[in-house]
Amino acid sequence: MTGLAGVILGVDGGNSKTDAVIADARGRVLAVVSTSGSNHEQLGLRKCARVLDDLVGKACRKAGVSRRDIKGACFGMAGVDIPKDFPLVERKVIRKLGIRAPMKLHNDAFLPLFNDKYRSRGVGVTAGAGRKWVAVNGNRLWMIEGYGLPDLRHTLEMELLRAAEGAKVPDAFDGRLLHYLGYRGYRQYVEEQFFREGRPYVGNSVPDYWTRRFHLPKWFAGELAHGTKTSRVIVREYGGYVAAGVMGVLRNTGLLRCEVDVVLSGSILANVKPLRDEVVGRLALSAPGAQVIGARYKPVRGALAYAAQLAWGGLPAGALREPWLLYCP
């Protein structure tokens, strides 16, 4: 048992994976348990509740505690996107867990804001498989989903499409990208990616295309060493998208003229240093009070930091430094 101080629970519930971590008042991790995704949009509320209940039960047993020992909990959940989601997920999922302690439900995109320390105001940027911009200013929250802004993978592939259609002269960058994705030529790429639907005679000659596409950010980071004009243009364009999202949440939360941390997270911003530098440079001009910080830790650490704030007003310095919690894109 952990004594009167009890423990805290942090949960990062994504589309494909859910992590739960229990730690004590000194910030020592007692249990780490993972399971499949827990997005209620995909599973439905009942199944989402069962997934989390099973996960929390396993975490408690592994830590040697009961749910009564939990003094604070934070849940960062994918799919909790609009105001109507929050009371519904709280009532149908979170309260069903039998935890009688202060609890906080966030969209999972908010967790990077807290994963190096608790913040009552700040901006979080996630650019990985998806992209989101979030901001918190006391009780005021704002989130930009990024539906109107292309992601980096789409931006890269648009260069291939432009080259294939003759809108630009193909360069060495386009050729290497085509080769990396596994295609012999531009026509094959366009036919298979844009015209396969409804045409059973157009096959898929690159069965691992989606795996290759998933790793495009790492490939792009390596390609930047060649210094091609196309790669530089893409960095400027996508850096502009990221910075525009930051400016949007700053304006909507009244933080534009404040000194505020902007925490970067996600595999793209983690892997592509020139892109991070581009974002920093743009924000230095348009939001001089913004202090850009790279996320060092996994989002679930943010859930733990928030839970500790609810339970005890925070954790001692040097807590939650286990290597497992380091951010790994």
C-alpha atoms as a PDB file:
ATOM      1  CA  MET A   1       0.000   0.000   0.000  1.00  0.00           C
ATOM      2  CA  THR A   2       1.037   3.583  -0.549  1.00  0.00           C
ATOM      3  CA  GLY A   3      -0.068   5.159   2.742  1.00  0.00           C
ATOM      4  CA  LEU A   4      -2.283   8.187   3.233  1.00  0.00           C
ATOM      5  CA  ALA A   5      -0.903  10.075   0.219  1.00  0.00           C
ATOM      6  CA  GLY A   6      -2.374   7.538  -2.188  1.00  0.00           C
ATOM      7  CA  VAL A   7      -1.602   7.408  -5.909  1.00  0.00           C
ATOM      8  CA  ILE A   8      -2.462   9.183  -9.140  1.00  0.00           C
ATOM      9  CA  LEU A   9      -3.708   7.786 -12.443  1.00  0.00           C
ATOM     10  CA  GLY A  10      -2.923   9.117 -15.911  1.00  0.00           C
ATOM     11  CA  VAL A  11      -4.585   7.765 -19.062  1.00  0.00           C
ATOM     12  CA  ASP A  12      -3.773   8.562 -22.687  1.00  0.00           C
ATOM     13  CA  GLY A  13      -6.585   7.094 -24.774  1.00  0.00           C
ATOM     14  CA  GLY A  14      -5.861   7.182 -28.495  1.00  0.00           C
ATOM     15  CA  ASN A  15      -7.399   5.714 -31.615  1.00  0.00           C
ATOM     16  CA  SER A  16      -5.134   2.674 -31.763  1.00  0.00           C
ATOM     17  CA  LYS A  17      -3.563   2.473 -28.285  1.00  0.00           C
ATOM     18  CA  THR A  18      -4.398   3.409 -24.699  1.00  0.00           C
ATOM     19  CA  ASP A  19      -1.795   3.831 -21.943  1.00  0.00           C
ATOM     20  CA  ALA A  20      -2.544   3.933 -18.215  1.00  0.00           C
ATOM     21  CA  VAL A  21       0.120   4.809 -15.637  1.00  0.00           C
ATOM     22  CA  ILE A  22      -0.101   4.851 -11.842  1.00  0.00           C
ATOM     23  CA  ALA A  23       2.433   6.809  -9.786  1.00  0.00           C
ATOM     24  CA  ASP A  24       2.852   7.657  -6.125  1.00  0.00           C
ATOM     25  CA  ALA A  25       3.241  11.023  -4.386  1.00  0.00           C
ATOM     26  CA  ARG A  26       6.993  10.998  -4.942  1.00  0.00           C
ATOM     27  CA  GLY A  27       6.502  10.598  -8.669  1.00  0.00           C
ATOM     28  CA  ARG A  28       7.615   6.975  -8.841  1.00  0.00           C
ATOM     29  CA  VAL A  29       5.849   4.972 -11.534  1.00  0.00           C
ATOM     30  CA  LEU A  30       4.199   1.914  -9.970  1.00  0.00           C
ATOM     31  CA  ALA A  31       2.411   0.466 -12.990  1.00  0.00           C
ATOM     32  CA  VAL A  32       2.259   0.879 -16.763  1.00  0.00           C
ATOM     33  CA  VAL A  33      -0.461  -0.925 -18.713  1.00  0.00           C
ATOM     34  CA  SER A  34      -1.421  -0.599 -22.370  1.00  0.00           C
ATOM     35  CA  THR A  35      -4.317  -1.857 -24.446  1.00  0.00           C
ATOM     36  CA  SER A  36      -6.095  -1.141 -27.719  1.00  0.00           C
ATOM     37  CA  GLY A  37      -7.678   2.167 -28.697  1.00  0.00           C
ATOM     38  CA  SER A  38     -10.491   3.693 -26.651  1.00  0.00           C
ATOM     39  CA  ASN A  39     -12.026   6.321 -28.916  1.00  0.00           C
ATOM     40  CA  HIS A  40     -15.755   6.303 -28.165  1.00  0.00           C
ATOM     41  CA  GLU A  41     -16.503   7.398 -31.736  1.00  0.00           C
ATOM     42  CA  GLN A  42     -15.115   4.086 -32.959  1.00  0.00           C
ATOM     43  CA  LEU A  43     -16.144   1.780 -30.117  1.00  0.00           C
ATOM     44  CA  GLY A  44     -19.316   3.298 -28.759  1.00  0.00           C
ATOM     45  CA  LEU A  45     -19.649   4.497 -25.173  1.00  0.00           C
ATOM     46  CA  ARG A  46     -20.339   1.097 -23.594  1.00  0.00           C
ATOM     47  CA  LYS A  47     -17.347  -0.646 -25.127  1.00  0.00           C
ATOM     48  CA  CYS A  48     -15.158   2.369 -24.387  1.00  0.00           C
ATOM     49  CA  ALA A  49     -16.201   2.118 -20.731  1.00  0.00           C
ATOM     50  CA  ARG A  50     -15.367  -1.612 -20.665  1.00  0.00           C
ATOM     51  CA  VAL A  51     -11.926  -1.029 -22.206  1.00  0.00           C
ATOM     52  CA  LEU A  52     -11.042   1.631 -19.644  1.00  0.00           C
ATOM     53  CA  ASP A  53     -12.489  -0.304 -16.722  1.00  0.00           C
ATOM     54  CA  ASP A  54     -10.403  -3.352 -17.626  1.00  0.00           C
ATOM     55  CA  LEU A  55      -7.296  -1.199 -18.133  1.00  0.00           C
ATOM     56  CA  VAL A  56      -7.649   0.639 -14.806  1.00  0.00           C
ATOM     57  CA  GLY A  57      -8.270  -2.661 -13.013  1.00  0.00           C
ATOM     58  CA  LYS A  58      -5.091  -4.166 -14.450  1.00  0.00           C
ATOM     59  CA  ALA A  59      -3.081  -1.065 -13.579  1.00  0.00           C
ATOM     60  CA  CYS A  60      -4.315  -1.106  -9.971  1.00  0.00           C
ATOM     61  CA  ARG A  61      -3.524  -4.790  -9.551  1.00  0.00           C
ATOM     62  CA  LYS A  62      -0.056  -4.316 -11.021  1.00  0.00           C
ATOM     63  CA  ALA A  63       0.603  -1.368  -8.693  1.00  0.00           C
ATOM     64  CA  GLY A  64      -0.793  -3.212  -5.663  1.00  0.00           C
ATOM     65  CA  VAL A  65      -3.416  -0.544  -4.946  1.00  0.00           C
ATOM     66  CA  SER A  66      -7.174  -0.240  -5.080  1.00  0.00           C
ATOM     67  CA  ARG A  67      -9.270   2.355  -6.845  1.00  0.00           C
ATOM     68  CA  ARG A  68      -9.947   3.923  -3.452  1.00  0.00           C
ATOM     69  CA  ASP A  69      -6.226   4.798  -3.257  1.00  0.00           C
ATOM     70  CA  ILE A  70      -6.452   7.007  -6.357  1.00  0.00           C
ATOM     71  CA  LYS A  71      -6.395  10.643  -5.228  1.00  0.00           C
ATOM     72  CA  GLY A  72      -6.413  12.284  -8.654  1.00  0.00           C
ATOM     73  CA  ALA A  73      -6.897  11.124 -12.245  1.00  0.00           C
ATOM     74  CA  CYS A  74      -6.636  12.690 -15.687  1.00  0.00           C
ATOM     75  CA  PHE A  75      -7.944  11.164 -18.903  1.00  0.00           C
ATOM     76  CA  GLY A  76      -6.801  12.419 -22.304  1.00  0.00           C
ATOM     77  CA  MET A  77      -9.236  10.820 -24.733  1.00  0.00           C
ATOM     78  CA  ALA A  78      -9.304  10.876 -28.525  1.00  0.00           C
ATOM     79  CA  GLY A  79     -12.766  11.643 -29.876  1.00  0.00           C
ATOM     80  CA  VAL A  80     -13.690  14.075 -27.108  1.00  0.00           C
ATOM     81  CA  ASP A  81     -13.811  16.960 -29.531  1.00  0.00           C
ATOM     82  CA  ILE A  82     -16.948  19.072 -29.109  1.00  0.00           C
ATOM     83  CA  PRO A  83     -18.672  20.484 -25.985  1.00  0.00           C
ATOM     84  CA  LYS A  84     -21.433  17.852 -26.087  1.00  0.00           C
ATOM     85  CA  ASP A  85     -18.848  15.054 -25.863  1.00  0.00           C
ATOM     86  CA  PHE A  86     -17.558  16.010 -22.418  1.00  0.00           C
ATOM     87  CA  PRO A  87     -20.627  15.495 -20.182  1.00  0.00           C
ATOM     88  CA  LEU A  88     -21.584  12.380 -22.129  1.00  0.00           C
ATOM     89  CA  VAL A  89     -18.179  10.686 -21.850  1.00  0.00           C
ATOM     90  CA  GLU A  90     -17.831  11.771 -18.220  1.00  0.00           C
ATOM     91  CA  ARG A  91     -21.212  10.278 -17.304  1.00  0.00           C
ATOM     92  CA  LYS A  92     -21.149   7.140 -19.468  1.00  0.00           C
ATOM     93  CA  VAL A  93     -17.433   6.273 -19.251  1.00  0.00           C
ATOM     94  CA  ILE A  94     -15.334   8.074 -16.639  1.00  0.00           C
ATOM     95  CA  ARG A  95     -17.774   7.937 -13.705  1.00  0.00           C
ATOM     96  CA  LYS A  96     -18.385   4.233 -14.364  1.00  0.00           C
ATOM     97  CA  LEU A  97     -14.804   3.504 -13.268  1.00  0.00           C
ATOM     98  CA  GLY A  98     -15.602   3.776  -9.570  1.00  0.00           C
ATOM     99  CA  ILE A  99     -12.922   6.368  -8.803  1.00  0.00           C
ATOM    100  CA  ARG A 100     -13.965   8.679  -5.961  1.00  0.00           C
ATOM    101  CA  ALA A 101     -11.350  11.372  -6.464  1.00  0.00           C
ATOM    102  CA  PRO A 102     -10.975  14.603  -8.445  1.00  0.00           C
ATOM    103  CA  MET A 103     -10.832  13.736 -12.140  1.00  0.00           C
ATOM    104  CA  LYS A 104     -10.246  15.708 -15.328  1.00  0.00           C
ATOM    105  CA  LEU A 105     -11.275  14.782 -18.865  1.00  0.00           C
ATOM    106  CA  HIS A 106      -9.362  16.360 -21.759  1.00  0.00           C
ATOM    107  CA  ASN A 107      -9.074  15.697 -25.446  1.00  0.00           C
ATOM    108  CA  ASP A 108      -5.787  13.799 -25.791  1.00  0.00           C
ATOM    109  CA  ALA A 109      -4.276  16.681 -27.779  1.00  0.00           C
ATOM    110  CA  PHE A 110      -4.129  18.712 -24.550  1.00  0.00           C
ATOM    111  CA  LEU A 111      -1.811  16.263 -22.776  1.00  0.00           C
ATOM    112  CA  PRO A 112       1.467  17.538 -24.320  1.00  0.00           C
ATOM    113  CA  LEU A 113       0.736  20.889 -22.660  1.00  0.00           C
ATOM    114  CA  PHE A 114       1.402  19.273 -19.293  1.00  0.00           C
ATOM    115  CA  ASN A 115       3.923  16.542 -20.051  1.00  0.00           C
ATOM    116  CA  ASP A 116       6.965  18.485 -18.820  1.00  0.00           C
ATOM    117  CA  LYS A 117       5.084  20.461 -16.137  1.00  0.00           C
ATOM    118  CA  TYR A 118       1.584  21.523 -15.196  1.00  0.00           C
ATOM    119  CA  ARG A 119       0.438  24.713 -16.965  1.00  0.00           C
ATOM    120  CA  SER A 120      -2.649  26.798 -16.296  1.00  0.00           C
ATOM    121  CA  ARG A 121      -2.092  28.496 -19.654  1.00  0.00           C
ATOM    122  CA  GLY A 122      -0.208  27.551 -22.777  1.00  0.00           C
ATOM    123  CA  VAL A 123      -0.455  26.211 -26.311  1.00  0.00           C
ATOM    124  CA  GLY A 124       0.038  22.649 -27.506  1.00  0.00           C
ATOM    125  CA  VAL A 125       0.785  21.650 -31.100  1.00  0.00           C
ATOM    126  CA  THR A 126       0.506  18.050 -32.276  1.00  0.00           C
ATOM    127  CA  ALA A 127       1.773  17.199 -35.752  1.00  0.00           C
ATOM    128  CA  GLY A 128       1.975  13.455 -36.233  1.00  0.00           C
ATOM    129  CA  ALA A 129      -0.534  11.198 -37.956  1.00  0.00           C
ATOM    130  CA  GLY A 130      -2.984  14.063 -37.462  1.00  0.00           C
ATOM    131  CA  ARG A 131      -2.570  17.686 -36.457  1.00  0.00           C
ATOM    132  CA  LYS A 132      -4.217  19.767 -33.778  1.00  0.00           C
ATOM    133  CA  TRP A 133      -3.636  23.053 -32.014  1.00  0.00           C
ATOM    134  CA  VAL A 134      -4.930  23.533 -28.485  1.00  0.00           C
ATOM    135  CA  ALA A 135      -4.704  26.290 -25.898  1.00  0.00           C
ATOM    136  CA  VAL A 136      -5.653  26.663 -22.261  1.00  0.00           C
ATOM    137  CA  ASN A 137      -5.988  29.956 -20.420  1.00  0.00           C
ATOM    138  CA  GLY A 138      -7.382  29.189 -16.980  1.00  0.00           C
ATOM    139  CA  ASN A 139     -10.863  27.788 -17.565  1.00  0.00           C
ATOM    140  CA  ARG A 140     -10.878  28.794 -21.208  1.00  0.00           C
ATOM    141  CA  LEU A 141     -10.017  26.080 -23.739  1.00  0.00           C
ATOM    142  CA  TRP A 142      -9.738  26.178 -27.503  1.00  0.00           C
ATOM    143  CA  MET A 143      -8.923  23.555 -30.114  1.00  0.00           C
ATOM    144  CA  ILE A 144      -8.311  23.742 -33.855  1.00  0.00           C
ATOM    145  CA  GLU A 145      -8.691  20.340 -35.503  1.00  0.00           C
ATOM    146  CA  GLY A 146      -6.747  21.293 -38.615  1.00  0.00           C
ATOM    147  CA  TYR A 147      -9.321  20.025 -41.101  1.00  0.00           C
ATOM    148  CA  GLY A 148      -8.628  23.025 -43.332  1.00  0.00           C
ATOM    149  CA  LEU A 149      -4.839  22.614 -43.265  1.00  0.00           C
ATOM    150  CA  PRO A 150      -2.945  19.836 -45.092  1.00  0.00           C
ATOM    151  CA  ASP A 151      -0.691  17.489 -43.174  1.00  0.00           C
ATOM    152  CA  LEU A 152       2.942  16.960 -44.115  1.00  0.00           C
ATOM    153  CA  ARG A 153       2.339  13.635 -45.864  1.00  0.00           C
ATOM    154  CA  HIS A 154      -0.359  15.173 -48.051  1.00  0.00           C
ATOM    155  CA  THR A 155       1.882  18.155 -48.784  1.00  0.00           C
ATOM    156  CA  LEU A 156       4.675  15.850 -49.922  1.00  0.00           C
ATOM    157  CA  GLU A 157       2.425  13.767 -52.160  1.00  0.00           C
ATOM    158  CA  MET A 158       0.933  16.859 -53.783  1.00  0.00           C
ATOM    159  CA  GLU A 159       4.404  17.492 -55.199  1.00  0.00           C
ATOM    160  CA  LEU A 160       4.223  14.104 -56.944  1.00  0.00           C
ATOM    161  CA  LEU A 161       0.764  14.845 -58.281  1.00  0.00           C
ATOM    162  CA  ARG A 162       1.856  18.226 -59.625  1.00  0.00           C
ATOM    163  CA  ALA A 163       4.845  16.610 -61.332  1.00  0.00           C
ATOM    164  CA  ALA A 164       2.707  13.798 -62.743  1.00  0.00           C
ATOM    165  CA  GLU A 165       0.210  16.239 -64.251  1.00  0.00           C
ATOM    166  CA  GLY A 166       2.870  18.498 -65.728  1.00  0.00           C
ATOM    167  CA  ALA A 167       2.197  21.420 -63.395  1.00  0.00           C
ATOM    168  CA  LYS A 168       5.879  21.425 -62.414  1.00  0.00           C
ATOM    169  CA  VAL A 169       9.119  20.113 -63.811  1.00  0.00           C
ATOM    170  CA  PRO A 170      10.042  16.958 -61.841  1.00  0.00           C
ATOM    171  CA  ASP A 171      13.236  17.318 -59.864  1.00  0.00           C
ATOM    172  CA  ALA A 172      15.522  14.951 -57.974  1.00  0.00           C
ATOM    173  CA  PHE A 173      13.400  15.260 -54.835  1.00  0.00           C
ATOM    174  CA  ASP A 174      10.280  14.070 -56.695  1.00  0.00           C
ATOM    175  CA  GLY A 175      12.167  11.126 -58.152  1.00  0.00           C
ATOM    176  CA  ARG A 176      13.493   9.986 -54.781  1.00  0.00           C
ATOM    177  CA  LEU A 177      10.043  10.352 -53.206  1.00  0.00           C
ATOM    178  CA  LEU A 178       8.484   8.279 -55.982  1.00  0.00           C
ATOM    179  CA  HIS A 179      11.143   5.607 -55.520  1.00  0.00           C
ATOM    180  CA  TYR A 180      10.717   5.614 -51.720  1.00  0.00           C
ATOM    181  CA  LEU A 181       6.971   5.027 -52.050  1.00  0.00           C
ATOM    182  CA  GLY A 182       7.712   2.057 -54.303  1.00  0.00           C
ATOM    183  CA  TYR A 183       6.471   3.243 -57.700  1.00  0.00           C
ATOM    184  CA  ARG A 184       8.269   2.901 -61.033  1.00  0.00           C
ATOM    185  CA  GLY A 185       6.769   6.030 -62.555  1.00  0.00           C
ATOM    186  CA  TYR A 186       4.420   8.950 -62.060  1.00  0.00           C
ATOM    187  CA  ARG A 187       1.611   7.444 -64.175  1.00  0.00           C
ATOM    188  CA  GLN A 188       1.584   4.268 -62.110  1.00  0.00           C
ATOM    189  CA  TYR A 189       1.435   6.298 -58.908  1.00  0.00           C
ATOM    190  CA  VAL A 190      -1.473   8.466 -60.062  1.00  0.00           C
ATOM    191  CA  GLU A 191      -3.478   5.543 -61.445  1.00  0.00           C
ATOM    192  CA  GLU A 192      -3.122   3.434 -58.334  1.00  0.00           C
ATOM    193  CA  GLN A 193      -3.658   6.198 -55.772  1.00  0.00           C
ATOM    194  CA  PHE A 194      -6.332   8.300 -57.455  1.00  0.00           C
ATOM    195  CA  PHE A 195      -8.137   6.121 -59.992  1.00  0.00           C
ATOM    196  CA  ARG A 196      -8.282   2.634 -58.437  1.00  0.00           C
ATOM    197  CA  GLU A 197     -11.770   3.091 -56.977  1.00  0.00           C
ATOM    198  CA  GLY A 198     -14.388   1.606 -59.292  1.00  0.00           C
ATOM    199  CA  ARG A 199     -11.734   0.083 -61.556  1.00  0.00           C
ATOM    200  CA  PRO A 200     -11.031  -3.536 -60.540  1.00  0.00           C
ATOM    201  CA  TYR A 201      -8.464  -3.801 -63.341  1.00  0.00           C
ATOM    202  CA  VAL A 202      -6.247  -1.207 -61.609  1.00  0.00           C
ATOM    203  CA  GLY A 203      -4.376  -3.164 -58.950  1.00  0.00           C
ATOM    204  CA  ASN A 204      -2.099  -2.202 -56.088  1.00  0.00           C
ATOM    205  CA  SER A 205       1.492  -2.952 -56.990  1.00  0.00           C
ATOM    206  CA  VAL A 206       2.913  -1.628 -53.694  1.00  0.00           C
ATOM    207  CA  PRO A 207       1.192  -3.570 -50.874  1.00  0.00           C
ATOM    208  CA  ASP A 208       3.238  -1.801 -48.171  1.00  0.00           C
ATOM    209  CA  TYR A 209       2.440   1.681 -49.506  1.00  0.00           C
ATOM    210  CA  TRP A 210       0.618   2.754 -46.328  1.00  0.00           C
ATOM    211  CA  THR A 211       3.541   1.675 -44.151  1.00  0.00           C
ATOM    212  CA  ARG A 212       5.926   3.633 -46.354  1.00  0.00           C
ATOM    213  CA  ARG A 213       3.603   6.639 -46.278  1.00  0.00           C
ATOM    214  CA  PHE A 214       3.391   6.473 -42.472  1.00  0.00           C
ATOM    215  CA  HIS A 215       7.184   6.841 -42.267  1.00  0.00           C
ATOM    216  CA  LEU A 216       7.323   9.740 -44.715  1.00  0.00           C
ATOM    217  CA  PRO A 217       8.275  12.295 -42.008  1.00  0.00           C
ATOM    218  CA  LYS A 218      11.447  10.368 -41.151  1.00  0.00           C
ATOM    219  CA  TRP A 219      12.239   9.982 -44.836  1.00  0.00           C
ATOM    220  CA  PHE A 220      11.711  13.712 -45.353  1.00  0.00           C
ATOM    221  CA  ALA A 221      14.024  14.543 -42.447  1.00  0.00           C
ATOM    222  CA  GLY A 222      16.772  12.612 -44.195  1.00  0.00           C
ATOM    223  CA  GLU A 223      15.993  14.177 -47.567  1.00  0.00           C
ATOM    224  CA  LEU A 224      16.448  17.683 -46.223  1.00  0.00           C
ATOM    225  CA  ALA A 225      20.177  16.964 -46.108  1.00  0.00           C
ATOM    226  CA  HIS A 226      20.174  17.091 -49.939  1.00  0.00           C
ATOM    227  CA  GLY A 227      18.982  20.687 -49.750  1.00  0.00           C
ATOM    228  CA  THR A 228      16.740  20.539 -52.831  1.00  0.00           C
ATOM    229  CA  LYS A 229      14.602  23.561 -53.658  1.00  0.00           C
ATOM    230  CA  THR A 230      11.429  21.491 -53.295  1.00  0.00           C
ATOM    231  CA  SER A 231      12.306  20.373 -49.766  1.00  0.00           C
ATOM    232  CA  ARG A 232      13.012  23.949 -48.709  1.00  0.00           C
ATOM    233  CA  VAL A 233       9.694  25.121 -50.164  1.00  0.00           C
ATOM    234  CA  ILE A 234       7.822  22.375 -48.300  1.00  0.00           C
ATOM    235  CA  VAL A 235       9.451  23.337 -45.002  1.00  0.00           C
ATOM    236  CA  ARG A 236       8.419  26.948 -45.482  1.00  0.00           C
ATOM    237  CA  GLU A 237       4.870  26.035 -46.494  1.00  0.00           C
ATOM    238  CA  TYR A 238       4.210  23.506 -43.762  1.00  0.00           C
ATOM    239  CA  GLY A 239       5.946  25.621 -41.133  1.00  0.00           C
ATOM    240  CA  GLY A 240       3.532  28.370 -42.133  1.00  0.00           C
ATOM    241  CA  TYR A 241       0.557  26.049 -41.582  1.00  0.00           C
ATOM    242  CA  VAL A 242       1.773  25.095 -38.106  1.00  0.00           C
ATOM    243  CA  ALA A 243       2.463  28.691 -37.113  1.00  0.00           C
ATOM    244  CA  ALA A 244      -0.948  29.792 -38.439  1.00  0.00           C
ATOM    245  CA  GLY A 245      -2.664  27.271 -36.171  1.00  0.00           C
ATOM    246  CA  VAL A 246      -0.703  28.554 -33.177  1.00  0.00           C
ATOM    247  CA  MET A 247      -1.753  32.111 -33.955  1.00  0.00           C
ATOM    248  CA  GLY A 248      -5.364  30.982 -34.192  1.00  0.00           C
ATOM    249  CA  VAL A 249      -5.519  29.474 -30.711  1.00  0.00           C
ATOM    250  CA  LEU A 250      -3.546  32.389 -29.254  1.00  0.00           C
ATOM    251  CA  ARG A 251      -6.104  34.850 -30.611  1.00  0.00           C
ATOM    252  CA  ASN A 252      -9.119  32.844 -29.500  1.00  0.00           C
ATOM    253  CA  THR A 253      -7.904  32.431 -25.920  1.00  0.00           C
ATOM    254  CA  GLY A 254      -6.639  35.958 -25.363  1.00  0.00           C
ATOM    255  CA  LEU A 255      -2.994  34.851 -25.187  1.00  0.00           C
ATOM    256  CA  LEU A 256      -1.667  36.596 -28.284  1.00  0.00           C
ATOM    257  CA  ARG A 257       0.181  39.345 -26.430  1.00  0.00           C
ATOM    258  CA  CYS A 258       1.146  37.233 -23.413  1.00  0.00           C
ATOM    259  CA  GLU A 259       4.306  35.381 -22.543  1.00  0.00           C
ATOM    260  CA  VAL A 260       3.228  31.808 -23.081  1.00  0.00           C
ATOM    261  CA  ASP A 261       4.772  28.381 -23.680  1.00  0.00           C
ATOM    262  CA  VAL A 262       4.081  26.696 -27.018  1.00  0.00           C
ATOM    263  CA  VAL A 263       4.738  22.966 -26.595  1.00  0.00           C
ATOM    264  CA  LEU A 264       5.478  21.019 -29.769  1.00  0.00           C
ATOM    265  CA  SER A 265       4.626  17.333 -29.963  1.00  0.00           C
ATOM    266  CA  GLY A 266       4.036  14.588 -32.517  1.00  0.00           C
ATOM    267  CA  SER A 267       6.326  12.574 -34.754  1.00  0.00           C
ATOM    268  CA  ILE A 268       6.675  15.205 -37.487  1.00  0.00           C
ATOM    269  CA  LEU A 269       7.822  18.039 -35.256  1.00  0.00           C
ATOM    270  CA  ALA A 270      10.003  15.583 -33.336  1.00  0.00           C
ATOM    271  CA  ASN A 271      11.763  14.227 -36.422  1.00  0.00           C
ATOM    272  CA  VAL A 272      12.128  17.229 -38.711  1.00  0.00           C
ATOM    273  CA  LYS A 273      14.393  19.806 -37.041  1.00  0.00           C
ATOM    274  CA  PRO A 274      14.324  22.317 -39.933  1.00  0.00           C
ATOM    275  CA  LEU A 275      10.536  22.342 -39.620  1.00  0.00           C
ATOM    276  CA  ARG A 276      10.747  23.089 -35.908  1.00  0.00           C
ATOM    277  CA  ASP A 277      13.215  25.876 -36.671  1.00  0.00           C
ATOM    278  CA  GLU A 278      10.828  27.310 -39.272  1.00  0.00           C
ATOM    279  CA  VAL A 279       7.962  27.351 -36.748  1.00  0.00           C
ATOM    280  CA  VAL A 280      10.173  29.008 -34.121  1.00  0.00           C
ATOM    281  CA  GLY A 281      11.282  31.663 -36.605  1.00  0.00           C
ATOM    282  CA  ARG A 282       7.756  32.505 -37.711  1.00  0.00           C
ATOM    283  CA  LEU A 283       6.430  32.753 -34.169  1.00  0.00           C
ATOM    284  CA  ALA A 284       9.342  34.966 -33.142  1.00  0.00           C
ATOM    285  CA  LEU A 285       7.993  37.538 -35.594  1.00  0.00           C
ATOM    286  CA  SER A 286       4.234  37.159 -35.125  1.00  0.00           C
ATOM    287  CA  ALA A 287       4.016  36.144 -31.436  1.00  0.00           C
ATOM    288  CA  PRO A 288       7.189  37.421 -29.724  1.00  0.00           C
ATOM    289  CA  GLY A 289       5.899  36.371 -26.303  1.00  0.00           C
ATOM    290  CA  ALA A 290       5.749  32.709 -27.346  1.00  0.00           C
ATOM    291  CA  GLN A 291       8.408  30.420 -25.890  1.00  0.00           C
ATOM    292  CA  VAL A 292       8.587  27.318 -28.113  1.00  0.00           C
ATOM    293  CA  ILE A 293       9.365  24.090 -26.249  1.00  0.00           C
ATOM    294  CA  GLY A 294       9.911  20.629 -27.688  1.00  0.00           C
ATOM    295  CA  ALA A 295       8.051  17.920 -25.834  1.00  0.00           C
ATOM    296  CA  ARG A 296      10.508  15.595 -24.083  1.00  0.00           C
ATOM    297  CA  TYR A 297       7.971  13.197 -22.647  1.00  0.00           C
ATOM    298  CA  LYS A 298       5.096  11.039 -23.792  1.00  0.00           C
ATOM    299  CA  PRO A 299       1.601  12.516 -23.555  1.00  0.00           C
ATOM    300  CA  VAL A 300       0.621  10.155 -20.735  1.00  0.00           C
ATOM    301  CA  ARG A 301       3.107  11.980 -18.510  1.00  0.00           C
ATOM    302  CA  GLY A 302       0.974  15.066 -19.043  1.00  0.00           C
ATOM    303  CA  ALA A 303      -2.015  13.168 -17.704  1.00  0.00           C
ATOM    304  CA  LEU A 304       0.001  12.230 -14.609  1.00  0.00           C
ATOM    305  CA  ALA A 305       1.171  15.816 -14.067  1.00  0.00           C
ATOM    306  CA  TYR A 306      -2.419  17.041 -14.253  1.00  0.00           C
ATOM    307  CA  ALA A 307      -3.612  14.287 -11.913  1.00  0.00           C
ATOM    308  CA  ALA A 308      -0.899  15.236  -9.408  1.00  0.00           C
ATOM    309  CA  GLN A 309      -2.070  18.847  -9.546  1.00  0.00           C
ATOM    310  CA  LEU A 310      -5.587  17.703  -8.691  1.00  0.00           C
ATOM    311  CA  ALA A 311      -4.397  15.409  -5.889  1.00  0.00           C
ATOM    312  CA  TRP A 312      -1.603  17.291  -4.144  1.00  0.00           C
ATOM    313  CA  GLY A 313      -1.009  20.538  -6.015  1.00  0.00           C
ATOM    314  CA  GLY A 314       1.869  19.014  -7.968  1.00  0.00           C
ATOM    315  CA  LEU A 315       4.843  16.691  -7.646  1.00  0.00           C
ATOM    316  CA  PRO A 316       8.330  17.197  -6.206  1.00  0.00           C
ATOM    317  CA  ALA A 317      11.106  18.335  -8.529  1.00  0.00           C
ATOM    318  CA  GLY A 318      12.721  15.489 -10.420  1.00  0.00           C
ATOM    319  CA  ALA A 319       9.597  13.297 -10.361  1.00  0.00           C
ATOM    320  CA  LEU A 320       8.403  11.154 -13.264  1.00  0.00           C
ATOM    321  CA  ARG A 321      11.781  10.856 -14.968  1.00  0.00           C
ATOM    322  CA  GLU A 322      11.587   7.169 -15.885  1.00  0.00           C
ATOM    323  CA  PRO A 323      13.066   6.427 -19.326  1.00  0.00           C
ATOM    324  CA  TRP A 324       9.790   4.816 -20.396  1.00  0.00           C
ATOM    325  CA  LEU A 325       8.107   8.224 -20.171  1.00  0.00           C
ATOM    326  CA  LEU A 326      10.547   9.879 -22.562  1.00  0.00           C
ATOM    327  CA  TYR A 327       8.833  10.921 -25.780  1.00  0.00           C
ATOM    328  CA  CYS A 328       9.505   8.366 -28.505  1.00  0.00           C
ATOM    329  CA  PRO A 329       7.994   9.296 -31.908  1.00  0.00           C
END
